[in-house]
Amino acid sequence: MKKVLLGCLFASTTIAHEYGYLTYYFVDPDCPVHVAGRFRQIGSANFKNRQHGDVNYSDGYAAAYYTHFLNPDNFFSWGVGYDYLKFDWKKNPRFNQKHFNYATASLGYISTTLDRWRWIVSGGFTVEADGLNFGQTGVYHARLWGRYHFSECWGFHVGALGQYGIKNGHALPILGIDWKWGSDWTASCIFPLNISLNYAFNDHWSTELAYSGFGGPYKYPRRAEQKEGRFKDPIFEVYSRGVDLNLLYKYDHLLRLALGVGYNGSGWIFIKDYHRDQGQYYPYKGAPYAQGTVALTF
């Protein structure tokens, strides 16, 4: 039962991995070390107001985790990592910074003590890597997530997650299901972590259609240092969603690879000053994107 519970986490290659919101799919008593990385490039997207021009966007992360196995039912997993964002908007009226680098850390507790349940309690932070100024750039996140193993084919998910920092705070419920039919098809509809449909060709190869998030968790705040004009201490949020098709490869529990293409729907960047005044949305149109992910567990 424990192998089934831990194996049915349905890790997404997109939103579930970012900013500490991990599924901990890699937990295995025989493999305590996990490293992963991803890079995603979005094509040029035009702003809806033509005077604002267009934006080129890319993001990525690299992270390493170590899991401590207290007993067969309880585990601690801690991780450190690096996140990258490029938001190249030449006609940005409020700041001219294009590259953003973040240090991340998280600690998760995973338990299967309760019959048919798997619970995850986790917390962590991100902070701009240049200077590690938590007061000016730190954002803290936490999550409580439970999965009930209803049957061999169904799982039910409940919980909540949120973040707080840089003059902002936001919380969302976790609610959804995952299911499997036949030996080839699996699906997950877990708001807001993972919406995907997967078809397995064999034990190594599969394909996945997934709903993806961009800019980090919903309304995730960031600080820009290179301001434009008299606009003081800009804070901004990037938000959009896309749909991607990925080709996945896995070798036992050791190696996972993913390559995918997709289309990012229309989104927005919201910019305000340090005092949460003069806030304004700048919506932009959709654009295609490509991404790649690699993960090793040993």
Protein backbone atom coordinates (compact mmCIF):
# COMPACT_ATOMS: atom_id res chain seq x y z
CA MET A 1 0.00 0.00 0.00
CA LYS A 2 2.80 2.44 0.88
CA LYS A 3 4.44 2.00 -2.53
CA VAL A 4 1.08 2.68 -4.18
CA LEU A 5 0.47 5.82 -2.13
CA LEU A 6 3.91 7.24 -2.83
CA GLY A 7 3.81 6.25 -6.47
CA CYS A 8 0.50 7.99 -7.19
CA LEU A 9 1.69 11.57 -6.78
CA PHE A 10 1.53 12.32 -10.51
CA ALA A 11 4.31 14.90 -10.66
CA SER A 12 3.80 17.63 -13.21
CA THR A 13 6.71 19.00 -15.21
CA THR A 14 5.35 22.52 -14.79
CA ILE A 15 3.54 24.25 -11.97
CA ALA A 16 3.94 21.65 -9.24
CA HIS A 17 7.72 21.99 -9.23
CA GLU A 18 8.05 25.73 -8.94
CA TYR A 19 8.78 27.72 -5.76
CA GLY A 20 8.63 24.79 -3.38
CA TYR A 21 5.24 23.47 -4.49
CA LEU A 22 6.61 19.96 -5.02
CA THR A 23 4.77 16.67 -5.25
CA TYR A 24 7.70 14.77 -3.70
CA TYR A 25 7.15 12.01 -6.25
CA PHE A 26 10.81 11.03 -5.86
CA VAL A 27 10.49 9.73 -2.28
CA ASP A 28 11.97 6.22 -2.18
CA PRO A 29 13.70 4.55 0.81
CA ASP A 30 16.44 3.26 -1.50
CA CYS A 31 17.13 6.63 -3.19
CA PRO A 32 17.57 9.59 -0.78
CA VAL A 33 19.10 12.09 -3.26
CA HIS A 34 17.11 13.88 -5.97
CA VAL A 35 18.29 16.58 -8.41
CA ALA A 36 16.16 18.24 -11.07
CA GLY A 37 16.24 21.08 -13.56
CA ARG A 38 14.04 22.68 -16.19
CA PHE A 39 14.24 25.47 -18.76
CA ARG A 40 11.37 27.00 -20.71
CA GLN A 41 11.48 29.56 -23.54
CA ILE A 42 8.37 31.47 -24.57
CA GLY A 43 8.22 33.16 -27.95
CA SER A 44 7.68 36.89 -28.43
CA ALA A 45 4.27 38.00 -27.14
CA ASN A 46 2.69 41.31 -28.18
CA PHE A 47 1.03 43.52 -25.60
CA LYS A 48 -2.64 44.27 -26.25
CA ASN A 49 -1.80 47.97 -26.23
CA ARG A 50 0.40 48.25 -29.32
CA GLN A 51 2.31 51.16 -27.83
CA HIS A 52 3.80 48.77 -25.26
CA GLY A 53 5.52 46.61 -27.89
CA ASP A 54 6.26 42.97 -27.08
CA VAL A 55 7.96 40.81 -24.44
CA ASN A 56 10.35 37.84 -24.57
CA TYR A 57 10.05 35.54 -21.59
CA SER A 58 11.99 32.54 -20.25
CA ASP A 59 12.35 30.78 -16.92
CA GLY A 60 14.08 27.82 -15.34
CA TYR A 61 15.15 26.16 -12.13
CA ALA A 62 17.70 23.75 -10.68
CA ALA A 63 17.25 22.05 -7.31
CA ALA A 64 18.65 19.29 -5.11
CA TYR A 65 16.82 17.37 -2.35
CA TYR A 66 17.79 14.93 0.35
CA THR A 67 15.22 12.72 2.09
CA HIS A 68 15.58 11.40 5.66
CA PHE A 69 13.55 8.23 6.31
CA LEU A 70 12.46 8.20 9.94
CA ASN A 71 10.54 4.93 9.60
CA PRO A 72 8.54 3.18 6.84
CA ASP A 73 5.71 5.72 7.17
CA ASN A 74 7.38 9.09 7.85
CA PHE A 75 9.98 11.10 5.93
CA PHE A 76 11.64 14.51 5.95
CA SER A 77 12.87 16.01 2.68
CA TRP A 78 14.82 19.25 2.48
CA GLY A 79 15.98 21.02 -0.63
CA VAL A 80 17.92 24.00 -1.96
CA GLY A 81 17.79 25.45 -5.42
CA TYR A 82 18.06 28.27 -7.91
CA ASP A 83 15.30 29.90 -9.95
CA TYR A 84 15.70 32.14 -12.98
CA LEU A 85 13.36 34.54 -14.74
CA LYS A 86 13.96 36.64 -17.84
CA PHE A 87 11.28 39.19 -18.69
CA ASP A 88 12.67 41.25 -21.57
CA TRP A 89 10.22 44.09 -22.18
CA LYS A 90 12.02 46.92 -23.96
CA LYS A 91 9.15 49.41 -23.57
CA ASN A 92 8.56 48.70 -19.88
CA PRO A 93 7.48 52.10 -18.47
CA ARG A 94 8.33 51.30 -14.81
CA PHE A 95 11.58 49.30 -14.65
CA ASN A 96 14.32 48.16 -17.03
CA GLN A 97 15.64 45.07 -15.23
CA LYS A 98 15.40 41.95 -17.41
CA HIS A 99 17.09 39.12 -15.47
CA PHE A 100 16.01 37.89 -12.02
CA ASN A 101 17.87 35.26 -9.99
CA TYR A 102 16.53 33.60 -6.83
CA ALA A 103 17.84 31.27 -4.14
CA THR A 104 15.28 28.82 -2.77
CA ALA A 105 15.01 26.41 0.15
CA SER A 106 12.25 24.15 1.44
CA LEU A 107 11.51 21.49 4.04
CA GLY A 108 8.80 18.88 3.62
CA TYR A 109 7.33 16.23 5.90
CA ILE A 110 5.62 13.28 4.20
CA SER A 111 3.55 10.74 6.13
CA THR A 112 1.56 7.61 5.23
CA THR A 113 0.80 6.69 8.85
CA LEU A 114 -2.98 7.09 8.46
CA ASP A 115 -4.60 4.23 6.57
CA ARG A 116 -5.06 5.10 2.85
CA TRP A 117 -3.76 8.66 3.39
CA ARG A 118 -0.57 10.38 2.28
CA TRP A 119 0.00 13.80 3.86
CA ILE A 120 2.56 16.46 2.93
CA VAL A 121 3.34 19.45 5.16
CA SER A 122 5.95 21.78 3.68
CA GLY A 123 7.34 25.28 3.90
CA GLY A 124 10.16 27.33 2.46
CA PHE A 125 11.23 30.60 0.91
CA THR A 126 12.60 32.29 -2.18
CA VAL A 127 14.86 35.33 -2.06
CA GLU A 128 16.71 37.25 -4.74
CA ALA A 129 20.16 35.68 -4.97
CA ASP A 130 21.97 39.02 -5.26
CA GLY A 131 22.38 40.13 -1.65
CA LEU A 132 19.89 37.67 -0.05
CA ASN A 133 17.87 40.60 1.29
CA PHE A 134 14.88 38.85 2.87
CA GLY A 135 13.22 42.08 3.96
CA GLN A 136 13.17 43.48 0.44
CA THR A 137 12.84 40.35 -1.74
CA GLY A 138 11.95 37.33 0.45
CA VAL A 139 8.70 35.40 -0.12
CA TYR A 140 7.65 32.55 2.18
CA HIS A 141 5.39 29.67 1.21
CA ALA A 142 3.60 26.83 3.02
CA ARG A 143 1.36 23.93 2.13
CA LEU A 144 -0.78 21.19 3.67
CA TRP A 145 -1.78 18.50 1.17
CA GLY A 146 -3.52 15.18 1.68
CA ARG A 147 -4.27 12.39 -0.78
CA TYR A 148 -6.80 9.67 0.08
CA HIS A 149 -6.27 6.37 -1.76
CA PHE A 150 -9.93 5.69 -2.53
CA SER A 151 -9.27 2.65 -4.73
CA GLU A 152 -6.64 1.19 -7.06
CA CYS A 153 -7.86 3.60 -9.74
CA TRP A 154 -8.86 6.74 -7.81
CA GLY A 155 -7.30 9.23 -5.42
CA PHE A 156 -8.90 12.26 -3.74
CA HIS A 157 -6.88 15.40 -2.82
CA VAL A 158 -7.56 18.10 -0.21
CA GLY A 159 -5.50 20.83 1.44
CA ALA A 160 -4.34 24.43 1.14
CA LEU A 161 -1.28 26.41 0.09
CA GLY A 162 -0.17 30.01 0.13
CA GLN A 163 2.64 32.52 0.20
CA TYR A 164 3.45 35.77 1.99
CA GLY A 165 6.07 38.46 1.41
CA ILE A 166 6.99 41.65 -0.47
CA LYS A 167 3.79 43.43 0.53
CA ASN A 168 1.59 40.56 -0.64
CA GLY A 169 -0.12 37.41 0.58
CA HIS A 170 -2.26 34.83 -1.13
CA ALA A 171 -3.83 31.48 -0.23
CA LEU A 172 -5.63 28.84 -2.30
CA PRO A 173 -7.36 25.55 -1.48
CA ILE A 174 -6.12 22.25 -2.89
CA LEU A 175 -8.91 20.10 -4.21
CA GLY A 176 -9.06 17.42 -6.88
CA ILE A 177 -8.80 13.83 -8.01
CA ASP A 178 -6.43 11.55 -9.90
CA TRP A 179 -7.42 8.38 -11.66
CA LYS A 180 -6.11 5.55 -13.80
CA TRP A 181 -7.87 3.34 -16.31
CA GLY A 182 -6.43 0.35 -18.07
CA SER A 183 -2.68 -0.08 -18.06
CA ASP A 184 -1.94 2.95 -20.25
CA TRP A 185 -3.98 6.02 -19.20
CA THR A 186 -3.62 8.21 -16.12
CA ALA A 187 -5.09 11.63 -15.43
CA SER A 188 -4.92 14.27 -12.73
CA CYS A 189 -7.17 17.23 -11.98
CA ILE A 190 -5.80 18.80 -8.80
CA PHE A 191 -6.42 22.54 -8.40
CA PRO A 192 -4.11 24.46 -8.51
CA LEU A 193 -1.19 22.01 -8.74
CA ASN A 194 -1.65 19.66 -11.66
CA ILE A 195 -4.06 19.17 -14.54
CA SER A 196 -2.76 16.57 -16.96
CA LEU A 197 -3.56 13.52 -19.08
CA ASN A 198 -0.90 10.86 -19.64
CA TYR A 199 -0.68 7.91 -22.03
CA ALA A 200 2.08 5.31 -21.51
CA PHE A 201 3.45 3.57 -24.59
CA ASN A 202 5.48 1.17 -22.44
CA ASP A 203 7.41 1.11 -19.15
CA HIS A 204 9.79 3.85 -20.34
CA TRP A 205 7.99 6.17 -22.76
CA SER A 206 4.80 8.19 -22.36
CA THR A 207 3.19 11.39 -23.56
CA GLU A 208 1.45 14.04 -21.50
CA LEU A 209 -1.02 16.83 -22.22
CA ALA A 210 -0.79 19.35 -19.37
CA TYR A 211 -2.15 22.70 -18.23
CA SER A 212 0.84 24.87 -17.26
CA GLY A 213 1.49 27.93 -15.16
CA PHE A 214 3.87 30.81 -15.86
CA GLY A 215 5.40 33.34 -13.50
CA GLY A 216 5.29 31.11 -10.41
CA PRO A 217 2.28 30.57 -8.14
CA TYR A 218 -0.71 32.84 -8.72
CA LYS A 219 0.02 36.48 -7.80
CA TYR A 220 3.62 35.72 -6.87
CA PRO A 221 5.37 39.06 -6.13
CA ARG A 222 8.85 40.10 -7.27
CA ARG A 223 10.94 43.23 -6.79
CA ALA A 224 12.74 45.07 -9.60
CA GLU A 225 15.78 47.16 -8.71
CA GLN A 226 16.36 49.04 -11.96
CA LYS A 227 13.47 51.50 -11.96
CA GLU A 228 12.39 53.85 -14.73
CA GLY A 229 11.99 57.57 -14.03
CA ARG A 230 10.48 58.53 -10.66
CA PHE A 231 8.57 55.28 -10.10
CA LYS A 232 9.93 54.05 -6.75
CA ASP A 233 10.81 50.45 -5.75
CA PRO A 234 8.63 48.61 -8.29
CA ILE A 235 7.00 45.30 -7.31
CA PHE A 236 5.48 43.17 -10.06
CA GLU A 237 3.56 39.95 -10.70
CA VAL A 238 3.52 37.90 -13.91
CA TYR A 239 0.60 35.58 -14.58
CA SER A 240 -0.55 33.43 -17.49
CA ARG A 241 -1.47 29.84 -18.32
CA GLY A 242 -0.72 27.54 -21.23
CA VAL A 243 -1.28 24.05 -22.58
CA ASP A 244 1.67 21.86 -23.53
CA LEU A 245 2.33 18.44 -25.01
CA ASN A 246 5.32 16.58 -23.55
CA LEU A 247 7.22 13.45 -24.47
CA LEU A 248 8.40 11.72 -21.27
CA TYR A 249 11.07 9.11 -20.66
CA LYS A 250 11.90 7.33 -17.41
CA TYR A 251 14.42 4.67 -16.51
CA ASP A 252 13.40 2.85 -13.33
CA HIS A 253 13.53 5.34 -10.45
CA LEU A 254 16.82 6.83 -11.58
CA LEU A 255 16.19 9.07 -14.59
CA ARG A 256 13.29 11.13 -15.92
CA LEU A 257 13.40 13.32 -19.04
CA ALA A 258 10.75 15.51 -20.67
CA LEU A 259 10.65 17.57 -23.84
CA GLY A 260 7.60 19.59 -24.75
CA VAL A 261 6.01 22.33 -26.82
CA GLY A 262 2.95 24.37 -26.07
CA TYR A 263 1.05 27.60 -26.38
CA ASN A 264 0.89 30.21 -23.64
CA GLY A 265 -2.50 31.92 -23.48
CA SER A 266 -2.86 35.64 -22.89
CA GLY A 267 -1.57 36.94 -19.57
CA TRP A 268 -0.56 40.06 -17.74
CA ILE A 269 2.14 41.78 -15.74
CA PHE A 270 0.95 43.89 -12.80
CA ILE A 271 3.31 46.60 -11.52
CA LYS A 272 2.98 48.75 -8.40
CA ASP A 273 5.32 50.80 -6.21
CA TYR A 274 6.61 49.79 -2.79
CA HIS A 275 3.62 51.33 -1.01
CA ARG A 276 1.18 49.32 -3.17
CA ASP A 277 0.14 52.51 -4.95
CA GLN A 278 -0.08 53.34 -8.66
CA GLY A 279 -0.71 49.70 -9.55
CA GLN A 280 -1.43 48.95 -13.21
CA TYR A 281 -2.07 45.84 -15.32
CA TYR A 282 -0.37 45.40 -18.70
CA PRO A 283 -2.06 42.51 -20.56
CA TYR A 284 -0.25 40.68 -23.34
CA LYS A 285 -1.28 38.15 -25.98
CA GLY A 286 -0.41 34.47 -26.37
CA ALA A 287 2.76 32.91 -27.78
CA PRO A 288 4.24 29.42 -28.38
CA TYR A 289 6.88 27.95 -26.10
CA ALA A 290 9.26 25.00 -25.71
CA GLN A 291 10.59 23.35 -22.55
CA GLY A 292 12.84 20.59 -21.27
CA THR A 293 13.17 18.86 -17.90
CA VAL A 294 15.68 16.40 -16.42
CA ALA A 295 15.60 14.67 -13.02
CA LEU A 296 17.85 12.12 -11.31
CA THR A 297 17.06 10.15 -8.15
CA PHE A 298 19.71 7.96 -6.54
